[in-house]
Amino acid sequence: MPPDFDVLIIGSGPAGVSAAFPLVEAGFKVLMIDGGKTASLDPPVSSYLTLRNSNTDQSNLMIGKDFYSLKKKENSSPKLSVPHLSYVFAEYADANKILNQEFCGLGSLAVGGLSNAWGCGVACLSAFEAEDFPFDYNELRKSYQIIANRIGVSGCHDDDMADYFGIDEWAQLPIQMDTLQGYIFNKYKKKSSRFKKVGFSLGRSRLAVLSEAYAGRTGCTLSSNCLWGCQNGSTYASKMDLTTLLSFPNFTHQPGYVAENLEQKISFWSVNGSQKYGGIFSISAKKVMLAAGTLATTRLAAVALELEKRIRVLTNPTAAFLLWLPRFVGAVRHDTLGLGQLSFKMGLPDGDSAFGATFSTNGIPVSDFVNHLPESRRYGIDIMKNILSSCVVANVFLPGTYSSNTAQITTNGSLSISGSVDPNTTQTMRYLSKNLRKVFNSTGAFLIPSSFKVGAPGVDAHYAGTLPMRENPVRGEASASGELFSLKGLYVADGACLPSLTEKPHTLTIMANADRIARFIVKSQN
């Protein structure tokens, strides 16, 4: 019997859909499977501040019927406390046999994966930053353009971050900033030469969010609901692409399927697993592309390889902090963009850079700020009530070289991930806390004492490098085409195959690389 499909793609996140387009356009018979979870709550229709002022069911809005927001772990992302997003992360670790030891391992069984809850930050690697990638940089650059034009990006601005992001030639204009962040930006521009001398640059964030209508989607309406769900489709999520893919007769999407193991046959692969509503499945395909998220992809590949060695898991160690602008105490709050409005890079002593962004405090649960104050929770609430409208929240990320996490397959086929913090990372975070305080103080935005909180290992959800592409791969590595060494026809299309992880937002690179790999498969069959 011939295999059921030409290519089976595991995962409908950004990597999965990006790999699918070149294949279906070339006539390949493609099946995409995913965990099938969807939102149980619709995105808010009213703006965030309107909901906070008039919604009569505040408890369920902010906490959830099952007290979801109260279960959030300390020093984790705000997205983990939003009830509207609970479906995105639910059951991922158990379904994919992932054991987290001192590590916050995030992934998604949802249609569209983690793109249902991402920060929408986009950036291109430079040729220098991609020097570890075992192929011509121009291939990646071409795919960057294809992806950017498909998903829609914004932020084009003649500022000190334009070259760093490398995306402006395909980007719409920036989305309107709020008053506080506009104040910081204007202060920076007046002293930009002084800031650059200490290795600090600031500019508009580049986002996969529309500032104006594009491809049937609406431009951002500044509702502050970015964390709670965009009601008009301005923010990109990969589930949007499924509508287009399903218009191809040779594309099939099967939600509710979780792959558990892969079997290599003589001329095809068999993907076996469990279905959402009980039962098991076995589907055959000539080629399989792993795009299940780095952690699930790593487990599937490592089991197929019978890989016993420890695997390094690259992440972006991260911290968050709160900036107070006394000038705006008592200011009236207005709805605005709930994602990064300004982005910055900060030079590090070893020559690397850290990357970060600033956000409005609108649309983020107050509890996330109270926990960052030196006062008790009781008095912290009173303080936040009076100063929150004059505050901006920010985050910062280190390159993957600062991460110290490993993973290994257990005897029962689970992937056990061990998180740890390198002393050098701790020292670098102290350096950032000290120097970012100085920098932002000069803009009139004061970093609140004790608000600089380092996140737990893995909370960034930027995972990569477990099955890296190499020019001359060995077992546990992939070729330039993403094909795993010794496993012909099995390709890695998500962050697992990235050979390095910079501090920059990495989703666009994952998407571009998945597109490039799929185009290689098409070309190799012609």
Protein backbone atom coordinates (compact mmCIF):
# COMPACT_ATOMS: atom_id res chain seq x y z
CA MET A 1 0.00 0.00 0.00
CA PRO A 2 1.31 3.50 -0.82
CA PRO A 3 1.62 5.96 2.07
CA ASP A 4 -1.42 8.07 2.92
CA PHE A 5 0.31 11.41 2.28
CA ASP A 6 3.37 12.87 0.65
CA VAL A 7 4.18 14.96 3.74
CA LEU A 8 2.77 14.88 7.26
CA ILE A 9 3.38 18.01 9.33
CA ILE A 10 3.12 17.67 13.09
CA GLY A 11 1.98 21.01 14.50
CA SER A 12 -0.05 23.97 13.19
CA GLY A 13 2.02 26.71 14.82
CA PRO A 14 4.14 29.27 12.94
CA ALA A 15 6.67 26.66 11.77
CA GLY A 16 4.02 24.20 10.62
CA VAL A 17 2.00 26.58 8.46
CA SER A 18 5.16 28.15 7.04
CA ALA A 19 6.37 24.73 5.92
CA ALA A 20 2.97 23.85 4.49
CA PHE A 21 2.59 26.67 1.97
CA PRO A 22 5.48 25.79 -0.40
CA LEU A 23 4.48 22.12 -0.28
CA VAL A 24 0.78 22.52 -1.11
CA GLU A 25 1.56 25.15 -3.75
CA ALA A 26 3.83 22.59 -5.42
CA GLY A 27 1.05 19.99 -5.44
CA PHE A 28 2.22 17.77 -2.57
CA LYS A 29 -0.50 15.92 -0.70
CA VAL A 30 -0.09 17.31 2.82
CA LEU A 31 -1.65 16.41 6.17
CA MET A 32 -1.25 18.66 9.22
CA ILE A 33 -2.14 17.39 12.69
CA ASP A 34 -2.30 19.18 16.03
CA GLY A 35 -3.77 18.81 19.51
CA GLY A 36 -6.95 20.56 18.45
CA LYS A 37 -7.56 22.76 21.48
CA THR A 38 -9.51 25.95 20.84
CA ALA A 39 -10.56 28.91 22.97
CA SER A 40 -13.57 28.44 25.23
CA LEU A 41 -13.93 32.22 25.57
CA ASP A 42 -14.32 34.65 22.69
CA PRO A 43 -11.99 37.67 22.49
CA PRO A 44 -13.47 40.69 24.29
CA VAL A 45 -15.55 43.00 22.12
CA SER A 46 -15.15 46.01 24.39
CA SER A 47 -11.78 47.57 25.17
CA TYR A 48 -9.89 46.45 28.24
CA LEU A 49 -10.54 49.60 30.27
CA THR A 50 -14.23 49.52 29.36
CA LEU A 51 -14.43 45.94 30.60
CA ARG A 52 -12.66 46.83 33.84
CA ASN A 53 -15.09 49.68 34.43
CA SER A 54 -18.37 48.08 33.41
CA ASN A 55 -18.11 44.28 33.34
CA THR A 56 -20.25 42.77 36.11
CA ASP A 57 -18.32 39.50 36.21
CA GLN A 58 -14.85 40.77 37.14
CA SER A 59 -13.91 37.60 39.01
CA ASN A 60 -14.26 35.34 35.98
CA LEU A 61 -12.69 37.94 33.71
CA MET A 62 -9.55 38.42 35.80
CA ILE A 63 -9.26 35.20 37.82
CA GLY A 64 -11.27 32.56 35.97
CA LYS A 65 -13.92 30.13 37.14
CA ASP A 66 -11.27 27.65 38.26
CA PHE A 67 -9.05 30.34 39.87
CA TYR A 68 -6.68 29.98 36.94
CA SER A 69 -4.77 33.24 37.45
CA LEU A 70 -4.03 32.38 41.09
CA LYS A 71 -2.16 29.24 40.06
CA LYS A 72 0.51 31.18 38.19
CA LYS A 73 4.04 30.44 39.33
CA GLU A 74 6.24 33.19 40.71
CA ASN A 75 8.44 35.06 38.19
CA SER A 76 6.56 33.71 35.20
CA SER A 77 5.02 35.48 32.22
CA PRO A 78 1.79 37.55 32.58
CA LYS A 79 0.25 35.45 29.80
CA LEU A 80 0.20 32.51 32.23
CA SER A 81 -2.28 34.34 34.46
CA VAL A 82 -4.86 35.34 31.82
CA PRO A 83 -7.95 33.05 31.93
CA HIS A 84 -8.65 33.68 28.23
CA LEU A 85 -5.34 31.97 27.39
CA SER A 86 -5.60 28.93 29.65
CA TYR A 87 -6.44 26.63 26.72
CA VAL A 88 -3.19 27.54 24.93
CA PHE A 89 -0.94 25.88 27.51
CA ALA A 90 -3.28 23.21 28.92
CA GLU A 91 -2.09 19.57 29.06
CA TYR A 92 0.88 20.10 26.73
CA ALA A 93 3.52 18.56 29.00
CA ASP A 94 1.45 15.49 29.91
CA ALA A 95 0.28 14.80 26.36
CA ASN A 96 3.82 15.06 25.00
CA LYS A 97 5.50 13.18 27.87
CA ILE A 98 7.61 16.12 29.01
CA LEU A 99 8.95 16.21 32.56
CA ASN A 100 10.08 19.60 33.83
CA GLN A 101 12.69 19.72 36.58
CA GLU A 102 13.26 23.32 37.75
CA PHE A 103 12.21 24.33 34.25
CA CYS A 104 9.07 26.07 32.98
CA GLY A 105 8.45 24.05 29.83
CA LEU A 106 5.75 25.71 27.75
CA GLY A 107 4.08 24.49 24.59
CA SER A 108 0.63 24.19 23.12
CA LEU A 109 -1.92 21.66 21.93
CA ALA A 110 -4.01 24.49 20.48
CA VAL A 111 -4.77 25.01 16.83
CA GLY A 112 -2.13 27.59 15.95
CA GLY A 113 0.12 26.62 18.86
CA LEU A 114 1.88 29.27 20.93
CA SER A 115 1.11 31.95 18.34
CA ASN A 116 -2.21 32.28 20.17
CA ALA A 117 -0.29 33.85 23.05
CA TRP A 118 2.93 35.31 21.70
CA GLY A 119 4.30 38.83 22.00
CA CYS A 120 4.34 39.30 18.18
CA GLY A 121 7.93 40.58 18.19
CA VAL A 122 9.66 40.07 14.82
CA ALA A 123 13.24 40.52 13.70
CA CYS A 124 15.64 39.22 11.07
CA LEU A 125 19.04 37.80 11.85
CA SER A 126 21.91 39.56 10.13
CA ALA A 127 24.34 37.59 7.98
CA PHE A 128 26.82 37.73 10.87
CA GLU A 129 24.26 36.45 13.39
CA ALA A 130 23.37 33.58 11.04
CA GLU A 131 26.97 32.51 10.40
CA ASP A 132 26.34 29.24 12.27
CA PHE A 133 23.55 28.35 9.83
CA PRO A 134 24.95 25.86 7.26
CA PHE A 135 23.55 27.45 4.11
CA ASP A 136 23.69 30.65 2.07
CA TYR A 137 22.25 33.55 4.09
CA ASN A 138 20.43 34.82 0.99
CA GLU A 139 18.15 31.76 1.18
CA LEU A 140 17.02 32.81 4.64
CA ARG A 141 16.66 36.45 3.60
CA LYS A 142 14.37 35.46 0.73
CA SER A 143 12.18 33.47 3.10
CA TYR A 144 12.08 36.37 5.58
CA GLN A 145 10.51 38.47 2.86
CA ILE A 146 7.97 35.78 1.95
CA ILE A 147 6.88 35.35 5.56
CA ALA A 148 6.77 39.06 6.39
CA ASN A 149 4.61 39.78 3.36
CA ARG A 150 2.24 36.94 4.27
CA ILE A 151 1.68 37.69 7.94
CA GLY A 152 1.90 41.49 7.87
CA VAL A 153 4.36 43.38 10.07
CA SER A 154 4.57 46.94 11.35
CA GLY A 155 7.04 49.29 12.99
CA CYS A 156 8.97 50.79 10.08
CA HIS A 157 10.74 53.83 11.49
CA ASP A 158 13.95 55.72 10.88
CA ASP A 159 15.36 55.07 14.34
CA ASP A 160 18.40 53.54 16.01
CA MET A 161 16.89 50.03 15.92
CA ALA A 162 16.10 49.87 12.20
CA ASP A 163 19.28 48.04 11.18
CA TYR A 164 19.06 45.78 14.22
CA PHE A 165 15.59 44.51 13.24
CA GLY A 166 16.36 44.39 9.51
CA ILE A 167 12.71 44.21 8.52
CA ASP A 168 11.61 47.71 7.63
CA GLU A 169 11.53 47.23 3.86
CA TRP A 170 8.46 44.98 4.30
CA ALA A 171 6.86 46.71 7.29
CA GLN A 172 3.92 49.08 7.72
CA LEU A 173 4.31 52.22 9.81
CA PRO A 174 4.38 51.83 13.62
CA ILE A 175 1.23 51.62 15.70
CA GLN A 176 0.48 54.72 17.72
CA MET A 177 2.39 54.94 21.01
CA ASP A 178 0.89 55.93 24.34
CA THR A 179 1.90 59.18 26.05
CA LEU A 180 4.31 57.64 28.58
CA GLN A 181 6.35 55.68 26.07
CA GLY A 182 6.29 58.59 23.66
CA TYR A 183 7.81 60.69 26.45
CA ILE A 184 10.60 58.14 27.02
CA PHE A 185 11.32 57.97 23.29
CA ASN A 186 11.52 61.75 22.91
CA LYS A 187 13.88 62.00 25.89
CA TYR A 188 16.06 59.29 24.36
CA LYS A 189 16.24 60.99 20.96
CA LYS A 190 17.51 64.21 22.55
CA LYS A 191 20.44 62.31 24.09
CA SER A 192 20.81 59.38 21.69
CA SER A 193 24.52 59.88 21.06
CA ARG A 194 25.19 59.79 24.80
CA PHE A 195 23.12 56.61 25.19
CA LYS A 196 24.86 54.85 22.31
CA LYS A 197 28.22 55.49 23.96
CA VAL A 198 27.15 53.20 26.82
CA GLY A 199 25.86 50.57 24.37
CA PHE A 200 22.15 51.41 24.60
CA SER A 201 19.84 51.96 21.62
CA LEU A 202 16.08 52.52 21.60
CA GLY A 203 13.48 52.50 18.83
CA ARG A 204 9.99 51.44 17.81
CA SER A 205 9.06 47.80 18.24
CA ARG A 206 8.65 45.73 15.08
CA LEU A 207 5.57 43.54 15.42
CA ALA A 208 3.46 41.02 13.56
CA VAL A 209 0.53 43.37 14.17
CA LEU A 210 -1.14 45.47 11.51
CA SER A 211 -1.18 49.23 11.85
CA GLU A 212 -3.48 49.46 8.83
CA ALA A 213 -5.83 47.11 6.98
CA TYR A 214 -4.08 44.34 5.05
CA ALA A 215 -5.15 41.10 3.37
CA GLY A 216 -8.69 41.28 4.72
CA ARG A 217 -7.59 42.04 8.28
CA THR A 218 -8.14 45.26 10.24
CA GLY A 219 -5.46 47.55 11.60
CA CYS A 220 -4.95 47.81 15.37
CA THR A 221 -7.73 49.70 17.15
CA LEU A 222 -5.74 50.24 20.40
CA SER A 223 -8.08 48.24 22.65
CA SER A 224 -5.42 47.09 25.18
CA ASN A 225 -6.79 43.55 24.77
CA CYS A 226 -3.68 42.02 23.21
CA LEU A 227 -3.23 39.51 26.03
CA TRP A 228 -6.94 38.73 26.13
CA GLY A 229 -7.45 38.19 22.43
CA CYS A 230 -7.57 40.53 19.43
CA GLN A 231 -11.19 40.92 18.39
CA ASN A 232 -10.41 42.20 14.90
CA GLY A 233 -7.51 39.98 13.83
CA SER A 234 -4.84 42.68 13.82
CA THR A 235 -2.32 40.44 15.62
CA TYR A 236 -1.04 37.50 13.61
CA ALA A 237 -1.70 33.93 14.74
CA SER A 238 -0.87 30.96 12.54
CA LYS A 239 -4.41 29.57 12.76
CA MET A 240 -5.32 32.43 10.38
CA ASP A 241 -3.30 30.71 7.66
CA LEU A 242 -5.29 27.50 7.94
CA THR A 243 -8.22 29.08 6.09
CA THR A 244 -5.98 29.74 3.09
CA LEU A 245 -4.30 26.34 3.29
CA LEU A 246 -7.65 24.57 3.42
CA SER A 247 -8.59 26.16 0.11
CA PHE A 248 -6.06 23.78 -1.49
CA PRO A 249 -7.64 20.39 -2.31
CA ASN A 250 -4.33 18.65 -1.53
CA PHE A 251 -4.18 19.97 2.07
CA THR A 252 -5.86 18.32 5.04
CA HIS A 253 -5.95 19.56 8.63
CA GLN A 254 -6.75 17.02 11.32
CA PRO A 255 -7.09 18.60 14.79
CA GLY A 256 -7.20 16.53 17.97
CA TYR A 257 -4.29 14.25 17.10
CA VAL A 258 -1.14 14.04 19.28
CA ALA A 259 1.85 12.16 17.85
CA GLU A 260 3.48 9.77 20.31
CA ASN A 261 6.06 7.92 18.22
CA LEU A 262 7.46 7.61 14.71
CA GLU A 263 8.29 4.39 12.85
CA GLN A 264 10.64 4.33 9.89
CA LYS A 265 9.53 1.91 7.18
CA ILE A 266 11.34 0.99 3.98
CA SER A 267 10.13 3.96 1.93
CA PHE A 268 7.91 5.98 4.26
CA TRP A 269 7.17 6.91 7.87
CA SER A 270 4.35 5.87 10.16
CA VAL A 271 3.20 8.43 12.72
CA ASN A 272 1.36 6.88 15.66
CA GLY A 273 -0.47 8.55 18.50
CA SER A 274 -3.69 9.26 20.34
CA GLN A 275 -6.85 11.10 19.37
CA LYS A 276 -8.57 13.83 21.34
CA TYR A 277 -11.72 11.82 21.96
CA GLY A 278 -10.08 8.49 22.67
CA GLY A 279 -8.57 5.87 20.44
CA ILE A 280 -5.29 5.69 18.59
CA PHE A 281 -4.18 6.49 15.06
CA SER A 282 -1.48 5.47 12.64
CA ILE A 283 -0.88 7.56 9.52
CA SER A 284 1.78 7.01 6.87
CA ALA A 285 3.66 9.60 4.80
CA LYS A 286 6.70 9.69 2.57
CA LYS A 287 8.14 12.52 4.64
CA VAL A 288 7.42 13.88 8.11
CA MET A 289 8.11 17.43 9.25
CA LEU A 290 8.37 18.00 13.00
CA ALA A 291 6.87 21.36 13.95
CA ALA A 292 5.30 20.43 17.27
CA GLY A 293 7.26 22.99 19.30
CA THR A 294 10.90 22.48 20.24
CA LEU A 295 10.24 20.33 23.31
CA ALA A 296 7.74 17.91 21.74
CA THR A 297 9.77 17.77 18.51
CA THR A 298 12.90 16.92 20.50
CA ARG A 299 11.19 14.06 22.30
CA LEU A 300 9.80 12.54 19.10
CA ALA A 301 13.14 12.78 17.32
CA ALA A 302 15.23 11.60 20.27
CA VAL A 303 13.04 8.52 20.72
CA ALA A 304 13.23 7.72 16.99
CA LEU A 305 17.02 8.12 17.17
CA GLU A 306 17.26 6.12 20.41
CA LEU A 307 19.35 9.04 21.60
CA GLU A 308 20.70 8.50 25.10
CA LYS A 309 23.00 11.49 25.49
CA ARG A 310 22.08 14.72 27.27
CA ILE A 311 20.79 17.40 24.93
CA ARG A 312 21.40 21.11 25.42
CA VAL A 313 18.25 23.24 25.42
CA LEU A 314 18.87 26.86 24.45
CA THR A 315 16.62 29.51 25.98
CA ASN A 316 16.70 33.29 26.42
CA PRO A 317 17.11 34.00 30.14
CA THR A 318 14.73 36.86 30.87
CA ALA A 319 13.83 39.46 33.47
CA ALA A 320 11.01 41.97 33.89
CA PHE A 321 10.99 45.35 35.61
CA LEU A 322 8.73 48.32 36.27
CA LEU A 323 9.46 51.92 35.29
CA TRP A 324 7.80 54.84 37.09
CA LEU A 325 7.39 58.25 35.45
CA PRO A 326 6.55 60.68 38.32
CA ARG A 327 5.65 63.35 35.77
CA PHE A 328 2.49 61.39 34.92
CA VAL A 329 1.17 60.64 38.41
CA GLY A 330 -2.59 61.03 38.31
CA ALA A 331 -2.75 60.74 34.53
CA VAL A 332 -5.97 59.38 33.09
CA ARG A 333 -5.50 55.91 31.63
CA HIS A 334 -6.33 55.38 27.96
CA ASP A 335 -6.57 52.20 25.92
CA THR A 336 -3.53 51.57 23.79
CA LEU A 337 -1.48 48.81 22.17
CA GLY A 338 -0.96 46.05 24.73
CA LEU A 339 2.22 44.69 23.13
CA GLY A 340 5.74 46.10 22.96
CA GLN A 341 5.76 49.74 21.85
CA LEU A 342 9.47 50.49 22.26
CA SER A 343 12.36 48.08 21.91
CA PHE A 344 15.96 48.40 23.03
CA LYS A 345 19.29 46.66 22.93
CA MET A 346 21.91 46.91 25.65
CA GLY A 347 25.53 45.96 25.17
CA LEU A 348 26.99 43.38 27.55
CA PRO A 349 30.56 43.19 28.90
CA ASP A 350 31.40 40.15 26.75
CA GLY A 351 30.45 41.90 23.52
CA ASP A 352 26.99 40.35 23.19
CA SER A 353 23.77 42.33 23.51
CA ALA A 354 20.56 42.00 25.49
CA PHE A 355 17.21 42.82 23.93
CA GLY A 356 14.07 44.17 25.56
CA ALA A 357 10.79 45.99 25.07
CA THR A 358 8.50 48.31 26.99
CA PHE A 359 4.75 47.85 27.42
CA SER A 360 1.74 49.73 28.70
CA THR A 361 0.47 48.54 32.06
CA ASN A 362 -3.03 48.36 30.57
CA GLY A 363 -4.25 44.84 29.92
CA ILE A 364 -1.93 43.20 32.45
CA PRO A 365 -3.38 41.90 35.75
CA VAL A 366 -2.49 44.20 38.67
CA SER A 367 -1.23 41.20 40.67
CA ASP A 368 1.74 40.98 38.31
CA PHE A 369 2.88 44.41 39.47
CA VAL A 370 2.07 44.03 43.17
CA ASN A 371 4.43 41.07 43.39
CA HIS A 372 7.31 43.30 42.20
CA LEU A 373 7.08 45.79 45.06
CA PRO A 374 9.08 45.69 48.31
CA GLU A 375 5.95 46.38 50.38
CA SER A 376 3.52 43.73 51.55
CA ARG A 377 0.75 42.70 49.15
CA ARG A 378 -1.83 44.65 51.14
CA TYR A 379 -0.01 47.98 50.86
CA GLY A 380 1.30 47.15 47.40
CA ILE A 381 -2.26 47.18 46.08
CA ASP A 382 -2.79 50.68 47.46
CA ILE A 383 0.45 51.90 45.91
CA MET A 384 -0.31 50.40 42.53
CA LYS A 385 -3.79 51.91 42.54
CA ASN A 386 -2.23 55.36 42.76
CA ILE A 387 0.81 55.06 40.49
CA LEU A 388 -0.02 52.38 37.89
CA SER A 389 -1.21 54.93 35.33
CA SER A 390 2.26 56.53 35.50
CA CYS A 391 4.17 53.26 35.04
CA VAL A 392 5.56 51.30 32.12
CA VAL A 393 6.55 47.63 32.33
CA ALA A 394 9.56 46.23 30.48
CA ASN A 395 11.36 42.96 29.84
CA VAL A 396 14.84 42.00 28.74
CA PHE A 397 16.33 38.85 27.17
CA LEU A 398 19.84 37.42 27.04
CA PRO A 399 21.28 35.34 24.15
CA GLY A 400 20.92 31.57 24.30
CA THR A 401 24.58 31.16 25.20
CA TYR A 402 23.62 32.26 28.72
CA SER A 403 21.24 29.34 29.23
CA SER A 404 22.25 26.15 31.06
CA ASN A 405 19.42 23.69 30.49
CA THR A 406 19.63 20.07 29.38
CA ALA A 407 17.20 17.34 28.37
CA GLN A 408 17.39 13.57 28.21
CA ILE A 409 15.11 10.72 27.20
CA THR A 410 14.05 8.53 30.12
CA THR A 411 13.62 4.76 30.03
CA ASN A 412 9.87 5.13 29.43
CA GLY A 413 10.32 7.52 26.50
CA SER A 414 9.62 10.80 28.27
CA LEU A 415 11.76 13.90 27.81
CA SER A 416 13.13 15.09 31.13
CA ILE A 417 14.27 18.72 31.07
CA SER A 418 16.53 20.11 33.79
CA GLY A 419 16.72 23.86 34.18
CA SER A 420 19.57 25.68 35.89
CA VAL A 421 21.04 29.18 36.11
CA ASP A 422 24.68 29.74 35.31
CA PRO A 423 26.55 32.07 37.74
CA ASN A 424 27.62 34.15 34.74
CA THR A 425 23.95 34.68 33.87
CA THR A 426 23.20 35.84 37.41
CA GLN A 427 26.10 38.27 37.25
CA THR A 428 24.98 39.57 33.85
CA MET A 429 21.44 40.13 35.12
CA ARG A 430 22.89 42.24 37.95
CA TYR A 431 24.82 44.22 35.35
CA LEU A 432 21.63 44.82 33.38
CA SER A 433 19.66 45.84 36.45
CA LYS A 434 22.29 48.42 37.37
CA ASN A 435 22.86 49.83 33.90
CA LEU A 436 19.26 49.82 32.70
CA ARG A 437 18.39 51.75 35.85
CA LYS A 438 20.92 54.41 34.92
CA VAL A 439 19.77 54.57 31.31
CA PHE A 440 16.05 54.82 31.98
CA ASN A 441 16.53 57.23 34.87
CA SER A 442 18.04 59.58 32.28
CA THR A 443 14.77 59.48 30.34
CA GLY A 444 12.66 60.35 33.37
CA ALA A 445 11.53 56.73 33.85
CA PHE A 446 12.77 55.40 37.20
CA LEU A 447 13.29 51.70 37.65
CA ILE A 448 11.42 50.84 40.86
CA PRO A 449 13.70 49.27 43.49
CA SER A 450 13.26 45.49 43.77
CA SER A 451 11.04 45.37 40.65
CA PHE A 452 13.78 43.78 38.53
CA LYS A 453 12.78 40.11 38.66
CA VAL A 454 14.64 37.35 36.82
CA GLY A 455 12.34 34.73 35.31
CA ALA A 456 12.55 31.03 36.01
CA PRO A 457 14.48 28.93 33.45
CA GLY A 458 12.28 28.30 30.42
CA VAL A 459 9.62 30.90 31.16
CA ASP A 460 10.63 32.82 28.04
CA ALA A 461 9.32 29.93 25.87
CA HIS A 462 12.15 30.65 23.39
CA TYR A 463 13.50 27.11 23.02
CA ALA A 464 16.00 26.10 20.37
CA GLY A 465 19.13 24.21 19.40
CA THR A 466 18.28 20.69 20.56
CA LEU A 467 18.65 19.16 17.06
CA PRO A 468 20.85 21.76 15.38
CA MET A 469 21.49 22.02 11.66
CA ARG A 470 25.15 21.43 10.80
CA GLU A 471 27.18 21.39 7.62
CA ASN A 472 28.43 17.90 8.55
CA PRO A 473 25.80 16.57 10.96
CA VAL A 474 26.20 13.60 13.27
CA ARG A 475 23.58 11.61 15.14
CA GLY A 476 21.24 14.01 16.95
CA GLU A 477 21.82 16.79 14.42
CA ALA A 478 20.19 17.84 11.16
CA SER A 479 21.54 18.73 7.75
CA ALA A 480 21.13 22.13 6.11
CA SER A 481 17.82 20.86 4.72
CA GLY A 482 16.53 20.11 8.25
CA GLU A 483 16.68 16.34 7.64
CA LEU A 484 17.86 14.41 10.69
CA PHE A 485 21.10 12.50 10.30
CA SER A 486 20.45 8.75 9.73
CA LEU A 487 16.66 9.25 9.52
CA LYS A 488 15.93 9.86 5.85
CA GLY A 489 12.65 11.64 5.25
CA LEU A 490 12.32 13.03 8.80
CA TYR A 491 12.74 16.80 8.95
CA VAL A 492 12.89 19.30 11.81
CA ALA A 493 11.11 22.56 10.97
CA ASP A 494 10.79 24.43 14.27
CA GLY A 495 13.18 25.99 16.79
CA ALA A 496 14.79 22.64 17.57
CA CYS A 497 16.94 22.85 14.43
CA LEU A 498 18.28 26.37 14.95
CA PRO A 499 22.03 26.08 15.56
CA SER A 500 22.13 29.22 17.70
CA LEU A 501 19.76 31.54 19.54
CA THR A 502 20.38 35.26 19.67
CA GLU A 503 18.63 37.63 22.06
CA LYS A 504 16.32 38.83 19.26
CA PRO A 505 12.72 37.65 18.85
CA HIS A 506 13.15 34.32 17.07
CA THR A 507 9.72 33.36 15.70
CA LEU A 508 10.21 35.04 12.33
CA THR A 509 13.50 33.17 11.91
CA ILE A 510 11.78 29.87 12.72
CA MET A 511 9.09 30.62 10.14
CA ALA A 512 11.57 31.68 7.48
CA ASN A 513 13.70 28.59 8.05
CA ALA A 514 10.63 26.32 7.86
CA ASP A 515 9.70 27.97 4.56
CA ARG A 516 13.28 27.48 3.31
CA ILE A 517 13.31 23.79 4.29
CA ALA A 518 9.99 23.14 2.55
CA ARG A 519 11.26 24.84 -0.60
CA PHE A 520 14.33 22.60 -0.48
CA ILE A 521 12.06 19.53 -0.32
CA VAL A 522 10.06 20.77 -3.32
CA LYS A 523 13.21 21.51 -5.29
CA SER A 524 14.77 18.13 -4.48
CA GLN A 525 11.72 16.33 -5.89
CA ASN A 526 11.81 18.16 -9.22
